[in-house]
N, C-alpha and C. Protein backbone atom coordinates (compact mmCIF):
# COMPACT_ATOMS: atom_id res chain seq x y z
N UNK A 1 0.84 -1.18 0.00
CA UNK A 1 0.00 0.00 0.00
C UNK A 1 0.88 1.25 0.00
N UNK A 2 0.54 2.22 -0.85
CA UNK A 2 1.33 3.44 -0.97
C UNK A 2 0.85 4.49 0.02
N UNK A 3 1.82 5.18 0.59
CA UNK A 3 1.46 6.30 1.46
C UNK A 3 1.17 7.51 0.59
N UNK A 4 0.50 8.48 1.17
CA UNK A 4 0.19 9.71 0.43
C UNK A 4 1.47 10.40 -0.01
N UNK A 5 2.45 10.45 0.88
CA UNK A 5 3.72 11.10 0.52
C UNK A 5 4.38 10.42 -0.66
N UNK A 6 4.38 9.09 -0.68
CA UNK A 6 5.00 8.36 -1.79
C UNK A 6 4.24 8.62 -3.08
N UNK A 7 2.92 8.63 -2.97
CA UNK A 7 2.08 8.88 -4.15
C UNK A 7 2.34 10.29 -4.69
N UNK A 8 2.44 11.27 -3.80
CA UNK A 8 2.71 12.64 -4.24
C UNK A 8 4.09 12.77 -4.90
N UNK A 9 5.06 12.03 -4.42
CA UNK A 9 6.40 12.08 -5.04
C UNK A 9 6.39 11.54 -6.47
N UNK A 10 5.43 10.67 -6.76
CA UNK A 10 5.33 10.11 -8.11
C UNK A 10 4.73 11.11 -9.10
N UNK A 11 4.10 12.14 -8.60
CA UNK A 11 3.49 13.15 -9.45
C UNK A 11 4.55 14.20 -9.79
N UNK A 12 4.54 14.67 -11.02
CA UNK A 12 5.54 15.66 -11.44
C UNK A 12 5.39 16.95 -10.62
N UNK A 13 6.49 17.68 -10.43
CA UNK A 13 6.43 18.94 -9.68
C UNK A 13 5.41 19.93 -10.27
N UNK A 14 5.31 19.98 -11.58
CA UNK A 14 4.36 20.90 -12.22
C UNK A 14 2.92 20.50 -11.86
N UNK A 15 2.65 19.20 -11.88
CA UNK A 15 1.31 18.71 -11.55
C UNK A 15 0.99 18.96 -10.07
N UNK A 16 1.98 18.74 -9.18
CA UNK A 16 1.79 19.01 -7.75
C UNK A 16 1.47 20.48 -7.52
N UNK A 17 2.16 21.36 -8.27
CA UNK A 17 1.92 22.79 -8.14
C UNK A 17 0.49 23.13 -8.55
N UNK A 18 0.01 22.52 -9.65
CA UNK A 18 -1.36 22.75 -10.10
C UNK A 18 -2.37 22.24 -9.07
N UNK A 19 -2.08 21.09 -8.47
CA UNK A 19 -2.97 20.52 -7.47
C UNK A 19 -3.04 21.44 -6.25
N UNK A 20 -1.89 21.92 -5.77
CA UNK A 20 -1.86 22.83 -4.62
C UNK A 20 -2.62 24.12 -4.92
N UNK A 21 -2.42 24.64 -6.13
CA UNK A 21 -3.09 25.87 -6.53
C UNK A 21 -4.60 25.68 -6.55
N UNK A 22 -5.04 24.57 -7.12
CA UNK A 22 -6.48 24.29 -7.20
C UNK A 22 -7.07 24.08 -5.79
N UNK A 23 -6.33 23.41 -4.93
CA UNK A 23 -6.80 23.18 -3.56
C UNK A 23 -6.97 24.52 -2.84
N UNK A 24 -6.00 25.44 -3.01
CA UNK A 24 -6.12 26.77 -2.39
C UNK A 24 -7.32 27.52 -2.94
N UNK A 25 -7.52 27.40 -4.26
CA UNK A 25 -8.65 28.08 -4.90
C UNK A 25 -9.98 27.56 -4.36
N UNK A 26 -10.11 26.25 -4.24
CA UNK A 26 -11.35 25.67 -3.72
C UNK A 26 -11.55 26.05 -2.26
N UNK A 27 -10.49 26.03 -1.49
CA UNK A 27 -10.59 26.38 -0.08
C UNK A 27 -10.96 27.84 0.10
N UNK A 28 -10.50 28.69 -0.82
CA UNK A 28 -10.75 30.13 -0.71
C UNK A 28 -12.16 30.51 -1.12
N UNK A 29 -12.85 29.66 -1.81
CA UNK A 29 -14.17 30.02 -2.33
C UNK A 29 -15.17 30.33 -1.24
N UNK A 30 -15.32 29.45 -0.31
CA UNK A 30 -16.30 29.71 0.75
C UNK A 30 -15.97 28.87 1.97
N UNK A 31 -15.96 29.54 3.09
CA UNK A 31 -15.75 28.86 4.37
C UNK A 31 -16.65 29.51 5.40
N UNK A 32 -17.12 28.73 6.31
CA UNK A 32 -17.84 29.30 7.44
C UNK A 32 -16.79 29.88 8.39
N UNK A 33 -17.24 30.67 9.34
CA UNK A 33 -16.28 31.22 10.31
C UNK A 33 -15.59 30.09 11.07
N UNK A 34 -16.34 29.06 11.40
CA UNK A 34 -15.77 27.92 12.11
C UNK A 34 -14.68 27.26 11.26
N UNK A 35 -14.97 27.04 9.97
CA UNK A 35 -13.98 26.43 9.08
C UNK A 35 -12.76 27.32 8.93
N UNK A 36 -12.99 28.63 8.87
CA UNK A 36 -11.88 29.58 8.78
C UNK A 36 -10.99 29.46 10.01
N UNK A 37 -11.62 29.42 11.19
CA UNK A 37 -10.87 29.31 12.43
C UNK A 37 -10.06 28.01 12.46
N UNK A 38 -10.68 26.91 12.03
CA UNK A 38 -9.98 25.63 11.98
C UNK A 38 -8.81 25.68 10.99
N UNK A 39 -9.01 26.34 9.87
CA UNK A 39 -7.97 26.41 8.83
C UNK A 39 -6.71 27.11 9.32
N UNK A 40 -6.87 28.01 10.28
CA UNK A 40 -5.70 28.73 10.80
C UNK A 40 -5.31 28.21 12.19
N UNK A 41 -5.84 27.02 12.54
CA UNK A 41 -5.47 26.33 13.78
C UNK A 41 -5.68 27.16 15.04
N UNK A 42 -6.83 27.80 15.12
CA UNK A 42 -7.18 28.57 16.32
C UNK A 42 -8.34 27.86 17.02
N UNK A 43 -8.39 27.98 18.33
CA UNK A 43 -9.52 27.44 19.09
C UNK A 43 -10.51 28.56 19.39
N UNK A 44 -11.72 28.20 19.73
CA UNK A 44 -12.71 29.21 20.12
C UNK A 44 -12.20 29.97 21.34
N UNK A 45 -11.55 29.26 22.23
CA UNK A 45 -11.04 29.89 23.45
C UNK A 45 -9.99 30.95 23.13
N UNK A 46 -9.09 30.66 22.19
CA UNK A 46 -8.06 31.61 21.79
C UNK A 46 -8.67 32.85 21.16
N UNK A 47 -9.62 32.64 20.26
CA UNK A 47 -10.28 33.76 19.59
C UNK A 47 -11.07 34.58 20.62
N UNK A 48 -11.72 33.89 21.55
CA UNK A 48 -12.49 34.58 22.59
C UNK A 48 -11.59 35.49 23.43
N UNK A 49 -10.42 35.00 23.80
CA UNK A 49 -9.48 35.83 24.57
C UNK A 49 -9.09 37.07 23.79
N UNK A 50 -8.82 36.90 22.50
CA UNK A 50 -8.42 38.02 21.65
C UNK A 50 -9.54 39.06 21.57
N UNK A 51 -10.78 38.62 21.51
CA UNK A 51 -11.93 39.52 21.37
C UNK A 51 -12.53 39.92 22.72
N UNK A 52 -11.90 39.50 23.81
CA UNK A 52 -12.39 39.82 25.16
C UNK A 52 -13.84 39.38 25.36
N UNK A 53 -14.10 38.14 25.01
CA UNK A 53 -15.44 37.58 25.23
C UNK A 53 -15.29 36.13 25.63
N UNK A 54 -16.38 35.50 26.00
CA UNK A 54 -16.35 34.10 26.39
C UNK A 54 -16.37 33.17 25.19
N UNK A 55 -15.92 31.95 25.41
CA UNK A 55 -15.92 30.94 24.35
C UNK A 55 -17.33 30.69 23.84
N UNK A 56 -18.32 30.74 24.73
CA UNK A 56 -19.71 30.53 24.30
C UNK A 56 -20.17 31.63 23.33
N UNK A 57 -19.64 32.84 23.50
CA UNK A 57 -19.96 33.93 22.58
C UNK A 57 -19.41 33.67 21.19
N UNK A 58 -18.21 33.10 21.12
CA UNK A 58 -17.61 32.75 19.82
C UNK A 58 -18.44 31.66 19.16
N UNK A 59 -18.87 30.68 19.94
CA UNK A 59 -19.70 29.60 19.40
C UNK A 59 -20.97 30.16 18.79
N UNK A 60 -21.64 31.07 19.50
CA UNK A 60 -22.88 31.68 18.97
C UNK A 60 -22.58 32.52 17.73
N UNK A 61 -21.50 33.28 17.77
CA UNK A 61 -21.13 34.14 16.64
C UNK A 61 -20.89 33.30 15.38
N UNK A 62 -20.23 32.15 15.54
CA UNK A 62 -19.93 31.29 14.39
C UNK A 62 -21.19 30.67 13.78
N UNK A 63 -22.27 30.62 14.53
CA UNK A 63 -23.51 30.05 14.03
C UNK A 63 -24.44 31.09 13.40
N UNK A 64 -24.13 32.35 13.60
CA UNK A 64 -25.00 33.42 13.07
C UNK A 64 -24.87 33.52 11.56
N UNK A 65 -25.96 33.89 10.92
CA UNK A 65 -25.93 34.06 9.47
C UNK A 65 -25.89 35.53 9.07
N UNK A 66 -26.02 36.43 10.03
CA UNK A 66 -26.05 37.86 9.73
C UNK A 66 -25.19 38.58 10.75
N UNK A 67 -24.10 39.20 10.29
CA UNK A 67 -23.16 39.89 11.18
C UNK A 67 -22.95 41.32 10.73
N UNK A 68 -22.66 42.19 11.67
CA UNK A 68 -22.19 43.52 11.31
C UNK A 68 -20.81 43.39 10.68
N UNK A 69 -20.49 44.29 9.76
CA UNK A 69 -19.16 44.25 9.15
C UNK A 69 -18.06 44.39 10.20
N UNK A 70 -18.29 45.22 11.19
CA UNK A 70 -17.28 45.42 12.24
C UNK A 70 -17.06 44.13 13.03
N UNK A 71 -18.13 43.38 13.29
CA UNK A 71 -18.00 42.11 14.00
C UNK A 71 -17.23 41.11 13.17
N UNK A 72 -17.57 41.03 11.89
CA UNK A 72 -16.86 40.12 10.98
C UNK A 72 -15.39 40.50 10.87
N UNK A 73 -15.12 41.80 10.71
CA UNK A 73 -13.73 42.27 10.60
C UNK A 73 -12.96 41.91 11.87
N UNK A 74 -13.54 42.15 13.03
CA UNK A 74 -12.87 41.84 14.29
C UNK A 74 -12.58 40.35 14.42
N UNK A 75 -13.54 39.52 14.02
CA UNK A 75 -13.35 38.06 14.07
C UNK A 75 -12.20 37.64 13.16
N UNK A 76 -12.23 38.12 11.92
CA UNK A 76 -11.18 37.76 10.95
C UNK A 76 -9.81 38.21 11.45
N UNK A 77 -9.74 39.40 12.01
CA UNK A 77 -8.47 39.89 12.56
C UNK A 77 -8.04 39.06 13.77
N UNK A 78 -8.99 38.60 14.56
CA UNK A 78 -8.67 37.78 15.74
C UNK A 78 -8.08 36.43 15.36
N UNK A 79 -8.42 35.93 14.17
CA UNK A 79 -7.82 34.67 13.73
C UNK A 79 -6.59 34.90 12.86
N UNK A 80 -6.18 36.17 12.73
CA UNK A 80 -4.92 36.47 12.05
C UNK A 80 -5.03 36.98 10.64
N UNK A 81 -6.22 37.32 10.18
CA UNK A 81 -6.38 37.78 8.80
C UNK A 81 -6.80 39.23 8.72
N UNK A 82 -7.17 39.64 7.53
CA UNK A 82 -7.74 40.96 7.31
C UNK A 82 -8.93 40.78 6.37
N UNK A 83 -9.91 41.64 6.50
CA UNK A 83 -11.14 41.50 5.73
C UNK A 83 -11.11 42.40 4.51
N UNK A 84 -11.45 41.83 3.36
CA UNK A 84 -11.60 42.57 2.12
C UNK A 84 -12.98 42.25 1.56
N UNK A 85 -13.69 43.28 1.14
CA UNK A 85 -15.01 43.06 0.56
C UNK A 85 -14.93 43.15 -0.95
N UNK A 86 -15.53 42.18 -1.62
CA UNK A 86 -15.55 42.15 -3.08
C UNK A 86 -16.99 42.19 -3.57
N UNK A 87 -17.23 42.98 -4.59
CA UNK A 87 -18.52 42.97 -5.29
C UNK A 87 -18.30 42.24 -6.61
N UNK A 88 -19.18 41.29 -6.91
CA UNK A 88 -19.03 40.54 -8.14
C UNK A 88 -20.27 40.74 -9.01
N UNK A 89 -20.02 40.96 -10.29
CA UNK A 89 -21.08 41.20 -11.26
C UNK A 89 -20.87 40.26 -12.44
N UNK A 90 -21.96 39.87 -13.11
CA UNK A 90 -21.78 39.09 -14.33
C UNK A 90 -21.03 39.95 -15.35
N UNK A 91 -20.22 39.36 -16.15
CA UNK A 91 -19.49 40.04 -17.22
C UNK A 91 -18.41 40.99 -16.73
N UNK A 92 -18.07 40.99 -15.46
CA UNK A 92 -16.99 41.84 -14.94
C UNK A 92 -16.19 41.03 -13.93
N UNK A 93 -14.96 41.44 -13.74
CA UNK A 93 -14.15 40.83 -12.69
C UNK A 93 -14.58 41.36 -11.34
N UNK A 94 -14.10 40.74 -10.26
CA UNK A 94 -14.46 41.22 -8.92
C UNK A 94 -13.95 42.63 -8.68
N UNK A 95 -14.73 43.42 -7.95
CA UNK A 95 -14.36 44.80 -7.61
C UNK A 95 -14.21 44.87 -6.10
N UNK A 96 -13.05 45.31 -5.63
CA UNK A 96 -12.80 45.46 -4.21
C UNK A 96 -13.46 46.74 -3.72
N UNK A 97 -14.26 46.61 -2.67
CA UNK A 97 -14.91 47.77 -2.07
C UNK A 97 -14.02 48.31 -0.97
N UNK A 98 -13.78 49.59 -1.00
CA UNK A 98 -12.91 50.19 0.00
C UNK A 98 -13.66 51.17 0.87
N UNK A 99 -12.99 51.61 1.92
CA UNK A 99 -13.55 52.62 2.79
C UNK A 99 -14.36 52.10 3.95
N UNK A 100 -14.82 50.85 3.89
CA UNK A 100 -15.65 50.33 4.97
C UNK A 100 -14.86 50.16 6.26
N UNK A 101 -13.66 49.63 6.15
CA UNK A 101 -12.84 49.42 7.34
C UNK A 101 -12.54 50.71 8.06
N UNK A 102 -12.25 51.77 7.29
CA UNK A 102 -11.94 53.06 7.90
C UNK A 102 -13.17 53.66 8.56
N UNK A 103 -14.33 53.54 7.90
CA UNK A 103 -15.57 54.09 8.46
C UNK A 103 -15.93 53.34 9.74
N UNK A 104 -15.87 52.02 9.70
CA UNK A 104 -16.21 51.22 10.87
C UNK A 104 -15.25 51.51 12.01
N UNK A 105 -13.95 51.59 11.71
CA UNK A 105 -12.96 51.86 12.76
C UNK A 105 -13.22 53.22 13.39
N UNK A 106 -13.56 54.23 12.58
CA UNK A 106 -13.83 55.57 13.11
C UNK A 106 -15.09 55.55 13.97
N UNK A 107 -16.13 54.83 13.53
CA UNK A 107 -17.36 54.73 14.32
C UNK A 107 -17.09 54.06 15.66
N UNK A 108 -16.27 53.00 15.65
CA UNK A 108 -15.96 52.29 16.89
C UNK A 108 -15.18 53.19 17.84
N UNK A 109 -14.25 53.98 17.31
CA UNK A 109 -13.50 54.90 18.17
C UNK A 109 -14.45 55.90 18.81
N UNK A 110 -15.40 56.39 18.04
CA UNK A 110 -16.40 57.32 18.57
C UNK A 110 -17.24 56.67 19.65
N UNK A 111 -17.65 55.41 19.41
CA UNK A 111 -18.43 54.68 20.41
C UNK A 111 -17.63 54.50 21.69
N UNK A 112 -16.35 54.12 21.54
CA UNK A 112 -15.51 53.90 22.71
C UNK A 112 -15.36 55.17 23.52
N UNK A 113 -15.25 56.32 22.86
CA UNK A 113 -15.14 57.60 23.57
C UNK A 113 -16.43 57.91 24.31
N UNK A 114 -17.59 57.62 23.65
CA UNK A 114 -18.87 57.87 24.30
C UNK A 114 -19.05 56.95 25.50
N UNK A 115 -18.65 55.66 25.36
CA UNK A 115 -18.76 54.71 26.48
C UNK A 115 -17.88 55.14 27.63
N UNK A 116 -16.69 55.61 27.32
CA UNK A 116 -15.75 56.03 28.36
C UNK A 116 -16.33 57.25 29.10
N UNK A 117 -16.95 58.18 28.36
CA UNK A 117 -17.53 59.37 28.98
C UNK A 117 -18.69 58.99 29.89
N UNK A 118 -19.51 58.01 29.48
CA UNK A 118 -20.63 57.58 30.30
C UNK A 118 -20.16 56.83 31.55
N UNK A 119 -19.02 56.16 31.45
CA UNK A 119 -18.51 55.38 32.56
C UNK A 119 -17.96 56.26 33.67
N UNK A 120 -17.62 57.50 33.34
CA UNK A 120 -17.01 58.40 34.34
C UNK A 120 -17.97 58.88 35.36
């Protein structure tokens, strides 16, 4: 019986490169937040610590189907990534939408200042 490593060595380097590229492409198409977290080897507990919330909160967040952009951005950053928004149209390539991260970050800073003022 052949091991996976032995089988992969039998494949030409060019073919292995194509296989790796296709695997990355398929993996990049769509992942749930849970799958994303698993892909980068993070636990719910680790992400929860980064976001200053409980593990149960991460579990609930991963099951939600509707998130604020700021929540999604924070989650993606907590697992080590950055969020980019793409708009896709028939007959055109993907278009990267900009400005959302800056707007959300500015709104959060304003909220934090208001919360701090109320806490005093």
